[in-house]
Amino acid sequence: MFELFSAHLTWFAVAYQVPSVLVGLLIKAIFPHPLLRALFVLPGTMVHELLHLVVGGITNAKPASFSLLPRKGTGGQWVLGSVGFTNIRWYNAALVGLAPLLAQLIALFFAPAYGHWSVSKVDFAYWAITGPIFAMCLPSGVDVRLAARSWFPMCLIAGVVIWIYWFR
């Protein structure tokens, strides 16, 4: 089994991300003006929308539009970025909608080794850079509603894969 998936390494990798999440939430909280906040979370917005774009392209969702420009949406809410698709179907809706979660998964691979770690300047730089990414790479309400379109088929597929893995 890979060393990455041992329990103590996985928990350390998750715990190592906590300062990033706190920095991201702090940035979202201390900048009340939407346009100023948009500037500070731009790296996270870029990663969020690029993950939608890439996963949409891979899963045949046919990306049709892409924007990183903040704009006022319906109901006075600010939209910091968007990707439009022309082929959302049952087999790709959940994957496209939940694509930003890949950022958290990828970050686990960048955590330092469990046994050889001590706090350094590199860690503080990592947390400052990834903070906005973590804050913005949670699925939005629109993303969750999109993913919900294919919850039943995805749960069925996941169940079959788990059953094959455990009971073969």
C-alpha atoms as a PDB file:
ATOM      1  CA  MET A   1       0.000   0.000   0.000  1.00  0.00           C
ATOM      2  CA  PHE A   2       1.225   3.521  -0.710  1.00  0.00           C
ATOM      3  CA  GLU A   3       2.732   5.348   2.232  1.00  0.00           C
ATOM      4  CA  LEU A   4       0.587   8.396   1.433  1.00  0.00           C
ATOM      5  CA  PHE A   5      -2.555   6.526   2.419  1.00  0.00           C
ATOM      6  CA  SER A   6      -1.406   5.462   5.881  1.00  0.00           C
ATOM      7  CA  ALA A   7      -3.640   6.898   8.579  1.00  0.00           C
ATOM      8  CA  HIS A   8      -1.143   9.137  10.370  1.00  0.00           C
ATOM      9  CA  LEU A   9       0.174  10.613   7.116  1.00  0.00           C
ATOM     10  CA  THR A  10      -3.310  11.337   5.841  1.00  0.00           C
ATOM     11  CA  TRP A  11      -4.363  13.005   9.100  1.00  0.00           C
ATOM     12  CA  PHE A  12      -1.176  15.063   9.160  1.00  0.00           C
ATOM     13  CA  ALA A  13      -1.745  16.160   5.538  1.00  0.00           C
ATOM     14  CA  VAL A  14      -5.302  17.211   6.421  1.00  0.00           C
ATOM     15  CA  ALA A  15      -4.206  18.998   9.610  1.00  0.00           C
ATOM     16  CA  TYR A  16      -1.448  20.789   7.688  1.00  0.00           C
ATOM     17  CA  GLN A  17      -4.144  22.466   5.553  1.00  0.00           C
ATOM     18  CA  VAL A  18      -5.987  23.979   8.547  1.00  0.00           C
ATOM     19  CA  PRO A  19      -3.952  27.244   8.558  1.00  0.00           C
ATOM     20  CA  SER A  20      -4.698  27.649   4.830  1.00  0.00           C
ATOM     21  CA  VAL A  21      -8.412  27.278   5.429  1.00  0.00           C
ATOM     22  CA  LEU A  22      -8.279  29.768   8.308  1.00  0.00           C
ATOM     23  CA  VAL A  23      -6.360  32.303   6.196  1.00  0.00           C
ATOM     24  CA  GLY A  24      -8.921  31.928   3.402  1.00  0.00           C
ATOM     25  CA  LEU A  25     -11.873  32.372   5.730  1.00  0.00           C
ATOM     26  CA  LEU A  26     -10.168  35.373   7.333  1.00  0.00           C
ATOM     27  CA  ILE A  27      -9.672  37.001   3.927  1.00  0.00           C
ATOM     28  CA  LYS A  28     -13.331  36.463   3.071  1.00  0.00           C
ATOM     29  CA  ALA A  29     -14.405  37.898   6.427  1.00  0.00           C
ATOM     30  CA  ILE A  30     -12.221  41.018   6.668  1.00  0.00           C
ATOM     31  CA  PHE A  31     -12.894  42.370   3.186  1.00  0.00           C
ATOM     32  CA  PRO A  32     -16.596  43.227   3.222  1.00  0.00           C
ATOM     33  CA  HIS A  33     -16.625  45.077  -0.101  1.00  0.00           C
ATOM     34  CA  PRO A  34     -17.231  42.501  -2.869  1.00  0.00           C
ATOM     35  CA  LEU A  35     -14.802  43.993  -5.389  1.00  0.00           C
ATOM     36  CA  LEU A  36     -11.974  44.280  -2.857  1.00  0.00           C
ATOM     37  CA  ARG A  37     -12.637  40.718  -1.694  1.00  0.00           C
ATOM     38  CA  ALA A  38     -12.682  39.574  -5.326  1.00  0.00           C
ATOM     39  CA  LEU A  39      -9.165  40.911  -5.746  1.00  0.00           C
ATOM     40  CA  PHE A  40      -7.816  38.989  -2.751  1.00  0.00           C
ATOM     41  CA  VAL A  41      -9.551  35.724  -3.635  1.00  0.00           C
ATOM     42  CA  LEU A  42      -8.727  35.913  -7.352  1.00  0.00           C
ATOM     43  CA  PRO A  43      -6.246  32.992  -7.193  1.00  0.00           C
ATOM     44  CA  GLY A  44      -8.941  30.833  -5.612  1.00  0.00           C
ATOM     45  CA  THR A  45     -11.545  31.969  -8.133  1.00  0.00           C
ATOM     46  CA  MET A  46      -9.163  31.115 -10.970  1.00  0.00           C
ATOM     47  CA  VAL A  47      -8.515  27.609  -9.623  1.00  0.00           C
ATOM     48  CA  HIS A  48     -12.231  27.067  -8.938  1.00  0.00           C
ATOM     49  CA  GLU A  49     -13.325  28.035 -12.439  1.00  0.00           C
ATOM     50  CA  LEU A  50     -10.380  26.312 -14.157  1.00  0.00           C
ATOM     51  CA  LEU A  51     -11.258  23.047 -12.403  1.00  0.00           C
ATOM     52  CA  HIS A  52     -14.844  23.375 -13.676  1.00  0.00           C
ATOM     53  CA  LEU A  53     -13.488  24.085 -17.166  1.00  0.00           C
ATOM     54  CA  VAL A  54     -11.015  21.182 -17.217  1.00  0.00           C
ATOM     55  CA  VAL A  55     -13.391  18.612 -15.727  1.00  0.00           C
ATOM     56  CA  GLY A  56     -16.167  19.855 -18.032  1.00  0.00           C
ATOM     57  CA  GLY A  57     -13.893  19.401 -21.027  1.00  0.00           C
ATOM     58  CA  ILE A  58     -12.827  15.915 -19.944  1.00  0.00           C
ATOM     59  CA  THR A  59     -16.392  14.755 -19.240  1.00  0.00           C
ATOM     60  CA  ASN A  60     -17.909  16.124 -22.465  1.00  0.00           C
ATOM     61  CA  ALA A  61     -19.904  18.894 -20.751  1.00  0.00           C
ATOM     62  CA  LYS A  62     -18.785  21.178 -23.601  1.00  0.00           C
ATOM     63  CA  PRO A  63     -17.654  24.414 -21.925  1.00  0.00           C
ATOM     64  CA  ALA A  64     -19.123  27.364 -23.809  1.00  0.00           C
ATOM     65  CA  SER A  65     -18.165  30.406 -21.753  1.00  0.00           C
ATOM     66  CA  PHE A  66     -15.559  31.350 -19.169  1.00  0.00           C
ATOM     67  CA  SER A  67     -15.277  34.475 -17.027  1.00  0.00           C
ATOM     68  CA  LEU A  68     -13.165  35.634 -14.102  1.00  0.00           C
ATOM     69  CA  LEU A  69     -14.638  39.141 -14.006  1.00  0.00           C
ATOM     70  CA  PRO A  70     -16.738  39.865 -10.909  1.00  0.00           C
ATOM     71  CA  ARG A  71     -20.276  40.993 -11.644  1.00  0.00           C
ATOM     72  CA  LYS A  72     -23.464  41.572  -9.732  1.00  0.00           C
ATOM     73  CA  GLY A  73     -25.842  38.670 -10.225  1.00  0.00           C
ATOM     74  CA  THR A  74     -29.502  38.179  -9.478  1.00  0.00           C
ATOM     75  CA  GLY A  75     -30.676  39.172  -6.024  1.00  0.00           C
ATOM     76  CA  GLY A  76     -27.702  41.469  -5.441  1.00  0.00           C
ATOM     77  CA  GLN A  77     -25.257  38.577  -5.024  1.00  0.00           C
ATOM     78  CA  TRP A  78     -21.809  38.935  -6.567  1.00  0.00           C
ATOM     79  CA  VAL A  79     -20.600  36.318  -9.037  1.00  0.00           C
ATOM     80  CA  LEU A  80     -16.800  36.206  -8.978  1.00  0.00           C
ATOM     81  CA  GLY A  81     -16.398  33.887 -11.955  1.00  0.00           C
ATOM     82  CA  SER A  82     -18.343  31.455 -14.083  1.00  0.00           C
ATOM     83  CA  VAL A  83     -18.118  28.705 -16.650  1.00  0.00           C
ATOM     84  CA  GLY A  84     -21.058  27.926 -18.897  1.00  0.00           C
ATOM     85  CA  PHE A  85     -21.692  24.492 -20.413  1.00  0.00           C
ATOM     86  CA  THR A  86     -23.890  23.276 -23.257  1.00  0.00           C
ATOM     87  CA  ASN A  87     -23.894  19.529 -22.558  1.00  0.00           C
ATOM     88  CA  ILE A  88     -24.582  18.885 -18.873  1.00  0.00           C
ATOM     89  CA  ARG A  89     -25.951  15.357 -18.568  1.00  0.00           C
ATOM     90  CA  TRP A  90     -26.608  12.771 -15.857  1.00  0.00           C
ATOM     91  CA  TYR A  91     -23.116  11.317 -16.190  1.00  0.00           C
ATOM     92  CA  ASN A  92     -21.159  14.575 -15.899  1.00  0.00           C
ATOM     93  CA  ALA A  93     -23.233  16.950 -13.730  1.00  0.00           C
ATOM     94  CA  ALA A  94     -21.833  15.744 -10.391  1.00  0.00           C
ATOM     95  CA  LEU A  95     -18.274  15.648 -11.679  1.00  0.00           C
ATOM     96  CA  VAL A  96     -18.463  19.172 -13.119  1.00  0.00           C
ATOM     97  CA  GLY A  97     -20.327  20.617 -10.127  1.00  0.00           C
ATOM     98  CA  LEU A  98     -17.962  19.175  -7.524  1.00  0.00           C
ATOM     99  CA  ALA A  99     -14.758  19.719  -9.537  1.00  0.00           C
ATOM    100  CA  PRO A 100     -13.432  22.477  -7.202  1.00  0.00           C
ATOM    101  CA  LEU A 101     -13.058  19.878  -4.456  1.00  0.00           C
ATOM    102  CA  LEU A 102     -10.126  18.509  -6.442  1.00  0.00           C
ATOM    103  CA  ALA A 103      -8.087  21.475  -5.186  1.00  0.00           C
ATOM    104  CA  GLN A 104      -8.321  20.175  -1.614  1.00  0.00           C
ATOM    105  CA  LEU A 105      -7.399  16.670  -2.744  1.00  0.00           C
ATOM    106  CA  ILE A 106      -4.405  17.926  -4.739  1.00  0.00           C
ATOM    107  CA  ALA A 107      -3.224  20.011  -1.777  1.00  0.00           C
ATOM    108  CA  LEU A 108      -2.910  16.870   0.347  1.00  0.00           C
ATOM    109  CA  PHE A 109      -0.105  15.715  -1.952  1.00  0.00           C
ATOM    110  CA  PHE A 110       1.866  18.907  -1.197  1.00  0.00           C
ATOM    111  CA  ALA A 111       1.899  18.434   2.558  1.00  0.00           C
ATOM    112  CA  PRO A 112       5.406  17.831   3.896  1.00  0.00           C
ATOM    113  CA  ALA A 113       6.548  14.455   5.196  1.00  0.00           C
ATOM    114  CA  TYR A 114       5.094  13.654   8.608  1.00  0.00           C
ATOM    115  CA  GLY A 115       8.282  12.624  10.382  1.00  0.00           C
ATOM    116  CA  HIS A 116      10.598  15.312   9.020  1.00  0.00           C
ATOM    117  CA  TRP A 117       8.538  18.471   9.374  1.00  0.00           C
ATOM    118  CA  SER A 118       9.132  21.614  11.383  1.00  0.00           C
ATOM    119  CA  VAL A 119       7.536  25.021  10.819  1.00  0.00           C
ATOM    120  CA  SER A 120       9.473  27.166   8.351  1.00  0.00           C
ATOM    121  CA  LYS A 121       9.032  30.252   6.175  1.00  0.00           C
ATOM    122  CA  VAL A 122       7.998  27.973   3.326  1.00  0.00           C
ATOM    123  CA  ASP A 123       5.007  26.792   5.361  1.00  0.00           C
ATOM    124  CA  PHE A 124       3.854  30.352   6.015  1.00  0.00           C
ATOM    125  CA  ALA A 125       4.179  31.184   2.307  1.00  0.00           C
ATOM    126  CA  TYR A 126       2.251  28.019   1.386  1.00  0.00           C
ATOM    127  CA  TRP A 127      -0.555  28.877   3.820  1.00  0.00           C
ATOM    128  CA  ALA A 128      -0.782  32.483   2.576  1.00  0.00           C
ATOM    129  CA  ILE A 129      -0.923  31.409  -1.072  1.00  0.00           C
ATOM    130  CA  THR A 130      -3.307  28.504  -0.653  1.00  0.00           C
ATOM    131  CA  GLY A 131      -5.650  30.275   1.792  1.00  0.00           C
ATOM    132  CA  PRO A 132      -7.716  32.004  -0.909  1.00  0.00           C
ATOM    133  CA  ILE A 133      -7.699  28.817  -2.971  1.00  0.00           C
ATOM    134  CA  PHE A 134      -9.157  26.774  -0.123  1.00  0.00           C
ATOM    135  CA  ALA A 135     -11.752  29.431   0.639  1.00  0.00           C
ATOM    136  CA  MET A 136     -12.899  29.623  -2.973  1.00  0.00           C
ATOM    137  CA  CYS A 137     -12.671  25.950  -3.903  1.00  0.00           C
ATOM    138  CA  LEU A 138     -15.671  24.857  -1.953  1.00  0.00           C
ATOM    139  CA  PRO A 139     -18.604  24.183  -4.259  1.00  0.00           C
ATOM    140  CA  SER A 140     -21.014  27.109  -4.497  1.00  0.00           C
ATOM    141  CA  GLY A 141     -24.772  26.755  -4.223  1.00  0.00           C
ATOM    142  CA  VAL A 142     -24.982  26.674  -8.028  1.00  0.00           C
ATOM    143  CA  ASP A 143     -22.337  23.932  -8.075  1.00  0.00           C
ATOM    144  CA  VAL A 144     -24.233  21.824  -5.528  1.00  0.00           C
ATOM    145  CA  ARG A 145     -27.512  22.192  -7.439  1.00  0.00           C
ATOM    146  CA  LEU A 146     -25.702  21.153 -10.619  1.00  0.00           C
ATOM    147  CA  ALA A 147     -24.153  18.113  -8.916  1.00  0.00           C
ATOM    148  CA  ALA A 148     -27.536  17.129  -7.486  1.00  0.00           C
ATOM    149  CA  ARG A 149     -28.800  16.498 -11.019  1.00  0.00           C
ATOM    150  CA  SER A 150     -26.850  13.265 -11.136  1.00  0.00           C
ATOM    151  CA  TRP A 151     -26.813  12.122  -7.521  1.00  0.00           C
ATOM    152  CA  PHE A 152     -28.714   8.876  -8.116  1.00  0.00           C
ATOM    153  CA  PRO A 153     -26.635   7.540 -11.028  1.00  0.00           C
ATOM    154  CA  MET A 154     -23.389   8.565  -9.312  1.00  0.00           C
ATOM    155  CA  CYS A 155     -24.395   6.868  -6.057  1.00  0.00           C
ATOM    156  CA  LEU A 156     -25.353   3.758  -8.027  1.00  0.00           C
ATOM    157  CA  ILE A 157     -22.018   3.725  -9.861  1.00  0.00           C
ATOM    158  CA  ALA A 158     -20.092   4.330  -6.609  1.00  0.00           C
ATOM    159  CA  GLY A 159     -22.022   1.507  -4.948  1.00  0.00           C
ATOM    160  CA  VAL A 160     -21.189  -0.915  -7.749  1.00  0.00           C
ATOM    161  CA  VAL A 161     -17.499   0.058  -7.660  1.00  0.00           C
ATOM    162  CA  ILE A 162     -17.369  -0.355  -3.864  1.00  0.00           C
ATOM    163  CA  TRP A 163     -19.198  -3.678  -4.059  1.00  0.00           C
ATOM    164  CA  ILE A 164     -16.782  -4.978  -6.722  1.00  0.00           C
ATOM    165  CA  TYR A 165     -13.783  -3.765  -4.715  1.00  0.00           C
ATOM    166  CA  TRP A 166     -14.840  -5.320  -1.405  1.00  0.00           C
ATOM    167  CA  PHE A 167     -16.712  -8.423  -2.508  1.00  0.00           C
ATOM    168  CA  ARG A 168     -14.861  -9.694  -5.553  1.00  0.00           C
END
